Structure formats: C-alpha cells, structure tokens
C-alpha cells in the first residue's frame, strides 16, 4: 500500500515538473533522457542477453529431465 502511494506521488511530481506552469523542467528532462538512453539501452540489452542464456539453459535441463522421466517410465514398463 505504501509503495502504491509513493508511486502515485512520484508520478504526480513528474507531471508537475514537466508542465510549463509547474517547475518547467521539460527541456532539462529531455536533455537527461537523451543522455541516459544509450546507457539504458546497453543495460537492458545486457539483461536481455542474460535472460536469453538462462532460458536456453532451462530448456536444456527440462529436455534432460523429460528424457530421464521417459527412460524411467520405459524401464518401469520393462520391469513389469
């Protein structure tokens, strides 16, 4: 609940800061976004790569587990 209230307050502050009749920080915010966007893009790209590697690893492990389960099932049927 507290996080929701803080989030709403921060969004409201952002809107007031960008408005020309508020703090009029619009041009400074655009400058900051222009400077931060390449760094943010690189950071998000690195995170996406790590998530992709983890997904590939999980799929390989799932395939191994599925194969082991099939082999165990076949051995169980063979033993009956």
PDB file of N, CA and C in Angstrom:
ATOM      1  N   UNK A   1       0.827  -1.192   0.000  1.00  0.00           N
ATOM      2  CA  UNK A   1       0.000   0.000   0.000  1.00  0.00           C
ATOM      3  C   UNK A   1       0.871   1.256   0.000  1.00  0.00           C
ATOM      4  N   UNK A   2       1.914   1.227   0.822  1.00  0.00           N
ATOM      5  CA  UNK A   2       2.809   2.380   0.890  1.00  0.00           C
ATOM      6  C   UNK A   2       3.509   2.578  -0.448  1.00  0.00           C
ATOM      7  N   UNK A   3       3.932   1.476  -1.073  1.00  0.00           N
ATOM      8  CA  UNK A   3       4.609   1.575  -2.365  1.00  0.00           C
ATOM      9  C   UNK A   3       3.685   2.176  -3.420  1.00  0.00           C
ATOM     10  N   UNK A   4       2.416   1.833  -3.377  1.00  0.00           N
ATOM     11  CA  UNK A   4       1.451   2.380  -4.329  1.00  0.00           C
ATOM     12  C   UNK A   4       1.305   3.885  -4.143  1.00  0.00           C
ATOM     13  N   UNK A   5       1.203   4.324  -2.905  1.00  0.00           N
ATOM     14  CA  UNK A   5       1.060   5.755  -2.615  1.00  0.00           C
ATOM     15  C   UNK A   5       2.310   6.512  -3.046  1.00  0.00           C
ATOM     16  N   UNK A   6       3.486   5.966  -2.725  1.00  0.00           N
ATOM     17  CA  UNK A   6       4.738   6.616  -3.120  1.00  0.00           C
ATOM     18  C   UNK A   6       4.837   6.676  -4.637  1.00  0.00           C
ATOM     19  N   UNK A   7       4.455   5.612  -5.318  1.00  0.00           N
ATOM     20  CA  UNK A   7       4.485   5.601  -6.774  1.00  0.00           C
ATOM     21  C   UNK A   7       3.576   6.654  -7.380  1.00  0.00           C
ATOM     22  N   UNK A   8       2.382   6.790  -6.843  1.00  0.00           N
ATOM     23  CA  UNK A   8       1.446   7.810  -7.338  1.00  0.00           C
ATOM     24  C   UNK A   8       2.004   9.204  -7.102  1.00  0.00           C
ATOM     25  N   UNK A   9       2.586   9.438  -5.935  1.00  0.00           N
ATOM     26  CA  UNK A   9       3.176  10.747  -5.635  1.00  0.00           C
ATOM     27  C   UNK A   9       4.340  11.064  -6.576  1.00  0.00           C
ATOM     28  N   UNK A  10       5.171  10.086  -6.875  1.00  0.00           N
ATOM     29  CA  UNK A  10       6.297  10.323  -7.776  1.00  0.00           C
ATOM     30  C   UNK A  10       5.838  10.600  -9.203  1.00  0.00           C
ATOM     31  N   UNK A  11       4.815   9.899  -9.655  1.00  0.00           N
ATOM     32  CA  UNK A  11       4.278  10.169 -10.992  1.00  0.00           C
ATOM     33  C   UNK A  11       3.667  11.566 -11.041  1.00  0.00           C
ATOM     34  N   UNK A  12       2.956  11.948  -9.988  1.00  0.00           N
ATOM     35  CA  UNK A  12       2.372  13.293  -9.930  1.00  0.00           C
ATOM     36  C   UNK A  12       3.469  14.353  -9.947  1.00  0.00           C
ATOM     37  N   UNK A  13       4.555  14.129  -9.211  1.00  0.00           N
ATOM     38  CA  UNK A  13       5.670  15.080  -9.221  1.00  0.00           C
ATOM     39  C   UNK A  13       6.278  15.187 -10.608  1.00  0.00           C
ATOM     40  N   UNK A  14       6.417  14.061 -11.291  1.00  0.00           N
ATOM     41  CA  UNK A  14       6.975  14.068 -12.640  1.00  0.00           C
ATOM     42  C   UNK A  14       6.109  14.894 -13.586  1.00  0.00           C
ATOM     43  N   UNK A  15       4.806  14.736 -13.478  1.00  0.00           N
ATOM     44  CA  UNK A  15       3.892  15.501 -14.332  1.00  0.00           C
ATOM     45  C   UNK A  15       4.006  16.989 -14.035  1.00  0.00           C
ATOM     46  N   UNK A  16       4.020  17.356 -12.749  1.00  0.00           N
ATOM     47  CA  UNK A  16       4.126  18.769 -12.367  1.00  0.00           C
ATOM     48  C   UNK A  16       5.460  19.347 -12.817  1.00  0.00           C
ATOM     49  N   UNK A  17       6.537  18.562 -12.716  1.00  0.00           N
ATOM     50  CA  UNK A  17       7.856  19.051 -13.107  1.00  0.00           C
ATOM     51  C   UNK A  17       7.945  19.287 -14.609  1.00  0.00           C
ATOM     52  N   UNK A  18       7.228  18.512 -15.398  1.00  0.00           N
ATOM     53  CA  UNK A  18       7.296  18.648 -16.852  1.00  0.00           C
ATOM     54  C   UNK A  18       6.395  19.748 -17.399  1.00  0.00           C
ATOM     55  N   UNK A  19       5.359  20.105 -16.666  1.00  0.00           N
ATOM     56  CA  UNK A  19       4.423  21.114 -17.160  1.00  0.00           C
ATOM     57  C   UNK A  19       5.078  22.492 -17.210  1.00  0.00           C
ATOM     58  N   UNK A  20       4.739  23.287 -18.231  1.00  0.00           N
ATOM     59  CA  UNK A  20       5.314  24.629 -18.320  1.00  0.00           C
ATOM     60  C   UNK A  20       4.898  25.535 -17.155  1.00  0.00           C
ATOM     61  N   UNK A  21       3.709  25.337 -16.601  1.00  0.00           N
ATOM     62  CA  UNK A  21       3.263  26.179 -15.499  1.00  0.00           C
ATOM     63  C   UNK A  21       3.746  25.663 -14.144  1.00  0.00           C
ATOM     64  N   UNK A  22       4.305  24.457 -14.108  1.00  0.00           N
ATOM     65  CA  UNK A  22       4.827  23.896 -12.859  1.00  0.00           C
ATOM     66  C   UNK A  22       6.272  24.323 -12.672  1.00  0.00           C
ATOM     67  N   UNK A  23       7.160  23.370 -12.577  1.00  0.00           N
ATOM     68  CA  UNK A  23       8.582  23.659 -12.414  1.00  0.00           C
ATOM     69  C   UNK A  23       9.270  23.966 -13.739  1.00  0.00           C
ATOM     70  N   UNK A  24       8.623  23.648 -14.845  1.00  0.00           N
ATOM     71  CA  UNK A  24       9.139  23.912 -16.193  1.00  0.00           C
ATOM     72  C   UNK A  24      10.495  23.253 -16.419  1.00  0.00           C
ATOM     73  N   UNK A  25      10.625  22.021 -15.999  1.00  0.00           N
ATOM     74  CA  UNK A  25      11.864  21.279 -16.185  1.00  0.00           C
ATOM     75  C   UNK A  25      11.843  20.462 -17.472  1.00  0.00           C
ATOM     76  N   UNK A  26      10.904  20.721 -18.343  1.00  0.00           N
ATOM     77  CA  UNK A  26      10.729  19.912 -19.548  1.00  0.00           C
ATOM     78  C   UNK A  26      11.982  19.778 -20.386  1.00  0.00           C
ATOM     79  N   UNK A  27      12.662  20.891 -20.668  1.00  0.00           N
ATOM     80  CA  UNK A  27      13.856  20.818 -21.520  1.00  0.00           C
ATOM     81  C   UNK A  27      14.997  20.081 -20.825  1.00  0.00           C
ATOM     82  N   UNK A  28      15.138  20.266 -19.511  1.00  0.00           N
ATOM     83  CA  UNK A  28      16.190  19.555 -18.773  1.00  0.00           C
ATOM     84  C   UNK A  28      15.907  18.052 -18.730  1.00  0.00           C
ATOM     85  N   UNK A  29      14.633  17.698 -18.612  1.00  0.00           N
ATOM     86  CA  UNK A  29      14.262  16.282 -18.588  1.00  0.00           C
ATOM     87  C   UNK A  29      14.560  15.637 -19.939  1.00  0.00           C
ATOM     88  N   UNK A  30      14.261  16.348 -21.028  1.00  0.00           N
ATOM     89  CA  UNK A  30      14.551  15.825 -22.363  1.00  0.00           C
ATOM     90  C   UNK A  30      16.055  15.650 -22.544  1.00  0.00           C
ATOM     91  N   UNK A  31      16.848  16.614 -22.076  1.00  0.00           N
ATOM     92  CA  UNK A  31      18.305  16.507 -22.168  1.00  0.00           C
ATOM     93  C   UNK A  31      18.812  15.302 -21.388  1.00  0.00           C
ATOM     94  N   UNK A  32      18.267  15.104 -20.200  1.00  0.00           N
ATOM     95  CA  UNK A  32      18.662  13.954 -19.377  1.00  0.00           C
ATOM     96  C   UNK A  32      18.287  12.649 -20.064  1.00  0.00           C
ATOM     97  N   UNK A  33      17.093  12.583 -20.632  1.00  0.00           N
ATOM     98  CA  UNK A  33      16.664  11.369 -21.329  1.00  0.00           C
ATOM     99  C   UNK A  33      17.543  11.083 -22.544  1.00  0.00           C
ATOM    100  N   UNK A  34      17.934  12.137 -23.264  1.00  0.00           N
ATOM    101  CA  UNK A  34      18.816  11.947 -24.414  1.00  0.00           C
ATOM    102  C   UNK A  34      20.168  11.388 -23.982  1.00  0.00           C
ATOM    103  N   UNK A  35      20.665  11.854 -22.846  1.00  0.00           N
ATOM    104  CA  UNK A  35      21.959  11.379 -22.363  1.00  0.00           C
ATOM    105  C   UNK A  35      21.900   9.991 -21.761  1.00  0.00           C
ATOM    106  N   UNK A  36      20.798   9.666 -21.127  1.00  0.00           N
ATOM    107  CA  UNK A  36      20.677   8.379 -20.427  1.00  0.00           C
ATOM    108  C   UNK A  36      20.224   7.241 -21.329  1.00  0.00           C
ATOM    109  N   UNK A  37      19.602   7.551 -22.453  1.00  0.00           N
ATOM    110  CA  UNK A  37      19.028   6.489 -23.278  1.00  0.00           C
ATOM    111  C   UNK A  37      20.054   5.504 -23.825  1.00  0.00           C
ATOM    112  N   UNK A  38      21.253   5.915 -24.274  1.00  0.00           N
ATOM    113  CA  UNK A  38      22.215   4.898 -24.733  1.00  0.00           C
ATOM    114  C   UNK A  38      22.673   3.972 -23.606  1.00  0.00           C
ATOM    115  N   UNK A  39      22.900   4.534 -22.432  1.00  0.00           N
ATOM    116  CA  UNK A  39      23.323   3.722 -21.291  1.00  0.00           C
ATOM    117  C   UNK A  39      22.203   2.770 -20.889  1.00  0.00           C
ATOM    118  N   UNK A  40      20.979   3.267 -20.854  1.00  0.00           N
ATOM    119  CA  UNK A  40      19.833   2.428 -20.512  1.00  0.00           C
ATOM    120  C   UNK A  40      19.642   1.320 -21.549  1.00  0.00           C
ATOM    121  N   UNK A  41      19.812   1.648 -22.826  1.00  0.00           N
ATOM    122  CA  UNK A  41      19.670   0.640 -23.879  1.00  0.00           C
ATOM    123  C   UNK A  41      20.729  -0.451 -23.733  1.00  0.00           C
ATOM    124  N   UNK A  42      21.970  -0.063 -23.429  1.00  0.00           N
ATOM    125  CA  UNK A  42      23.030  -1.054 -23.231  1.00  0.00           C
ATOM    126  C   UNK A  42      22.724  -1.933 -22.026  1.00  0.00           C
ATOM    127  N   UNK A  43      22.276  -1.331 -20.944  1.00  0.00           N
ATOM    128  CA  UNK A  43      21.948  -2.074 -19.728  1.00  0.00           C
ATOM    129  C   UNK A  43      20.821  -3.068 -19.990  1.00  0.00           C
ATOM    130  N   UNK A  44      19.768  -2.627 -20.660  1.00  0.00           N
ATOM    131  CA  UNK A  44      18.648  -3.517 -20.970  1.00  0.00           C
ATOM    132  C   UNK A  44      19.063  -4.622 -21.937  1.00  0.00           C
ATOM    133  N   UNK A  45      19.959  -4.306 -22.864  1.00  0.00           N
ATOM    134  CA  UNK A  45      20.462  -5.323 -23.782  1.00  0.00           C
ATOM    135  C   UNK A  45      21.238  -6.407 -23.060  1.00  0.00           C
ATOM    136  N   UNK A  46      22.088  -6.005 -22.111  1.00  0.00           N
ATOM    137  CA  UNK A  46      22.858  -6.980 -21.334  1.00  0.00           C
ATOM    138  C   UNK A  46      21.923  -7.860 -20.515  1.00  0.00           C
ATOM    139  N   UNK A  47      20.929  -7.255 -19.898  1.00  0.00           N
ATOM    140  CA  UNK A  47      19.961  -8.029 -19.115  1.00  0.00           C
ATOM    141  C   UNK A  47      19.213  -9.010 -20.018  1.00  0.00           C
ATOM    142  N   UNK A  48      18.830  -8.575 -21.211  1.00  0.00           N
ATOM    143  CA  UNK A  48      18.124  -9.460 -22.148  1.00  0.00           C
ATOM    144  C   UNK A  48      18.990 -10.642 -22.564  1.00  0.00           C
ATOM    145  N   UNK A  49      20.278 -10.391 -22.762  1.00  0.00           N
ATOM    146  CA  UNK A  49      21.196 -11.477 -23.122  1.00  0.00           C
ATOM    147  C   UNK A  49      21.276 -12.494 -21.993  1.00  0.00           C
ATOM    148  N   UNK A  50      21.422 -12.016 -20.751  1.00  0.00           N
ATOM    149  CA  UNK A  50      21.480 -12.930 -19.610  1.00  0.00           C
ATOM    150  C   UNK A  50      20.193 -13.742 -19.474  1.00  0.00           C
ATOM    151  N   UNK A  51      19.059 -13.098 -19.677  1.00  0.00           N
ATOM    152  CA  UNK A  51      17.778 -13.809 -19.598  1.00  0.00           C
ATOM    153  C   UNK A  51      17.685 -14.854 -20.709  1.00  0.00           C
ATOM    154  N   UNK A  52      18.154 -14.512 -21.900  1.00  0.00           N
ATOM    155  CA  UNK A  52      18.145 -15.466 -23.010  1.00  0.00           C
ATOM    156  C   UNK A  52      19.005 -16.685 -22.726  1.00  0.00           C
ATOM    157  N   UNK A  53      20.221 -16.466 -22.185  1.00  0.00           N
ATOM    158  CA  UNK A  53      21.085 -17.594 -21.829  1.00  0.00           C
ATOM    159  C   UNK A  53      20.439 -18.464 -20.760  1.00  0.00           C
ATOM    160  N   UNK A  54      19.830 -17.840 -19.765  1.00  0.00           N
ATOM    161  CA  UNK A  54      19.174 -18.600 -18.695  1.00  0.00           C
ATOM    162  C   UNK A  54      18.008 -19.414 -19.255  1.00  0.00           C
ATOM    163  N   UNK A  55      17.267 -18.844 -20.196  1.00  0.00           N
ATOM    164  CA  UNK A  55      16.142 -19.556 -20.809  1.00  0.00           C
ATOM    165  C   UNK A  55      16.628 -20.769 -21.599  1.00  0.00           C
ATOM    166  N   UNK A  56      17.708 -20.600 -22.353  1.00  0.00           N
ATOM    167  CA  UNK A  56      18.270 -21.719 -23.115  1.00  0.00           C
ATOM    168  C   UNK A  56      18.732 -22.817 -22.164  1.00  0.00           C
ATOM    169  N   UNK A  57      19.396 -22.424 -21.087  1.00  0.00           N
ATOM    170  CA  UNK A  57      19.872 -23.399 -20.098  1.00  0.00           C
ATOM    171  C   UNK A  57      18.695 -24.147 -19.466  1.00  0.00           C
ATOM    172  N   UNK A  58      17.631 -23.420 -19.121  1.00  0.00           N
ATOM    173  CA  UNK A  58      16.450 -24.056 -18.531  1.00  0.00           C
ATOM    174  C   UNK A  58      15.793 -25.035 -19.499  1.00  0.00           C
ATOM    175  N   UNK A  59      15.737 -24.681 -20.779  1.00  0.00           N
ATOM    176  CA  UNK A  59      15.142 -25.581 -21.770  1.00  0.00           C
ATOM    177  C   UNK A  59      15.961 -26.856 -21.914  1.00  0.00           C
ATOM    178  N   UNK A  60      17.297 -26.724 -21.884  1.00  0.00           N
ATOM    179  CA  UNK A  60      18.141 -27.916 -21.963  1.00  0.00           C
ATOM    180  C   UNK A  60      17.912 -28.818 -20.757  1.00  0.00           C
ATOM    181  N   UNK A  61      17.839 -28.227 -19.573  1.00  0.00           N
ATOM    182  CA  UNK A  61      17.603 -29.017 -18.361  1.00  0.00           C
ATOM    183  C   UNK A  61      16.233 -29.683 -18.395  1.00  0.00           C
ATOM    184  N   UNK A  62      15.225 -28.983 -18.905  1.00  0.00           N
ATOM    185  CA  UNK A  62      13.883 -29.558 -18.996  1.00  0.00           C
ATOM    186  C   UNK A  62      13.880 -30.743 -19.955  1.00  0.00           C
ATOM    187  N   UNK A  63      14.608 -30.616 -21.073  1.00  0.00           N
ATOM    188  CA  UNK A  63      14.698 -31.728 -22.013  1.00  0.00           C
ATOM    189  C   UNK A  63      15.373 -32.940 -21.376  1.00  0.00           C
ATOM    190  N   UNK A  64      16.450 -32.687 -20.613  1.00  0.00           N
ATOM    191  CA  UNK A  64      17.146 -33.786 -19.935  1.00  0.00           C
ATOM    192  C   UNK A  64      16.225 -34.463 -18.924  1.00  0.00           C
ATOM    193  N   UNK A  65      15.480 -33.674 -18.159  1.00  0.00           N
ATOM    194  CA  UNK A  65      14.557 -34.239 -17.175  1.00  0.00           C
ATOM    195  C   UNK A  65      13.447 -35.031 -17.851  1.00  0.00           C
ATOM    196  N   UNK A  66      12.945 -34.515 -18.961  1.00  0.00           N
ATOM    197  CA  UNK A  66      11.890 -35.221 -19.692  1.00  0.00           C
ATOM    198  C   UNK A  66      12.409 -36.543 -20.240  1.00  0.00           C
ATOM    199  N   UNK A  67      13.624 -36.537 -20.770  1.00  0.00           N
ATOM    200  CA  UNK A  67      14.225 -37.763 -21.287  1.00  0.00           C
ATOM    201  C   UNK A  67      14.449 -38.768 -20.163  1.00  0.00           C
ATOM    202  N   UNK A  68      14.913 -38.293 -19.007  1.00  0.00           N
ATOM    203  CA  UNK A  68      15.126 -39.184 -17.865  1.00  0.00           C
ATOM    204  C   UNK A  68      13.804 -39.775 -17.386  1.00  0.00           C
ATOM    205  N   UNK A  69      12.750 -38.981 -17.399  1.00  0.00           N
ATOM    206  CA  UNK A  69      11.432 -39.478 -16.989  1.00  0.00           C
ATOM    207  C   UNK A  69      10.926 -40.529 -17.971  1.00  0.00           C
ATOM    208  N   UNK A  70      11.134 -40.304 -19.255  1.00  0.00           N
ATOM    209  CA  UNK A  70      10.716 -41.282 -20.260  1.00  0.00           C
ATOM    210  C   UNK A  70      11.495 -42.583 -20.115  1.00  0.00           C
ATOM    211  N   UNK A  71      12.796 -42.464 -19.846  1.00  0.00           N
ATOM    212  CA  UNK A  71      13.612 -43.664 -19.661  1.00  0.00           C
ATOM    213  C   UNK A  71      13.189 -44.422 -18.410  1.00  0.00           C
ATOM    214  N   UNK A  72      12.885 -43.703 -17.346  1.00  0.00           N
ATOM    215  CA  UNK A  72      12.436 -44.354 -16.112  1.00  0.00           C
ATOM    216  C   UNK A  72      11.098 -45.046 -16.333  1.00  0.00           C
ATOM    217  N   UNK A  73      10.225 -44.406 -17.091  1.00  0.00           N
ATOM    218  CA  UNK A  73       8.922 -44.996 -17.388  1.00  0.00           C
ATOM    219  C   UNK A  73       9.086 -46.250 -18.243  1.00  0.00           C
ATOM    220  N   UNK A  74       9.995 -46.193 -19.217  1.00  0.00           N
ATOM    221  CA  UNK A  74      10.243 -47.359 -20.071  1.00  0.00           C
ATOM    222  C   UNK A  74      10.851 -48.498 -19.257  1.00  0.00           C
ATOM    223  N   UNK A  75      11.748 -48.165 -18.347  1.00  0.00           N
ATOM    224  CA  UNK A  75      12.363 -49.198 -17.502  1.00  0.00           C
ATOM    225  C   UNK A  75      11.329 -49.812 -16.572  1.00  0.00           C
ATOM    226  N   UNK A  76      10.398 -49.001 -16.099  1.00  0.00           N
ATOM    227  CA  UNK A  76       9.340 -49.498 -15.214  1.00  0.00           C
ATOM    228  C   UNK A  76       8.418 -50.450 -15.970  1.00  0.00           C
ATOM    229  N   UNK A  77       8.070 -50.093 -17.201  1.00  0.00           N
ATOM    230  CA  UNK A  77       7.214 -50.962 -18.013  1.00  0.00           C
ATOM    231  C   UNK A  77       7.941 -52.258 -18.362  1.00  0.00           C
ATOM    232  N   UNK A  78       9.233 -52.143 -18.596  1.00  0.00           N
ATOM    233  CA  UNK A  78      10.026 -53.314 -18.949  1.00  0.00           C
ATOM    234  C   UNK A  78      10.153 -54.258 -17.757  1.00  0.00           C
ATOM    235  N   UNK A  79      10.212 -53.687 -16.558  1.00  0.00           N
ATOM    236  CA  UNK A  79      10.362 -54.489 -15.356  1.00  0.00           C
ATOM    237  C   UNK A  79       9.085 -55.185 -14.934  1.00  0.00           C
ATOM    238  N   UNK A  80       7.955 -54.767 -15.414  1.00  0.00           N
ATOM    239  CA  UNK A  80       6.668 -55.376 -15.020  1.00  0.00           C
ATOM    240  C   UNK A  80       6.466 -56.712 -15.585  1.00  0.00           C
TER     241      UNK A  80
END
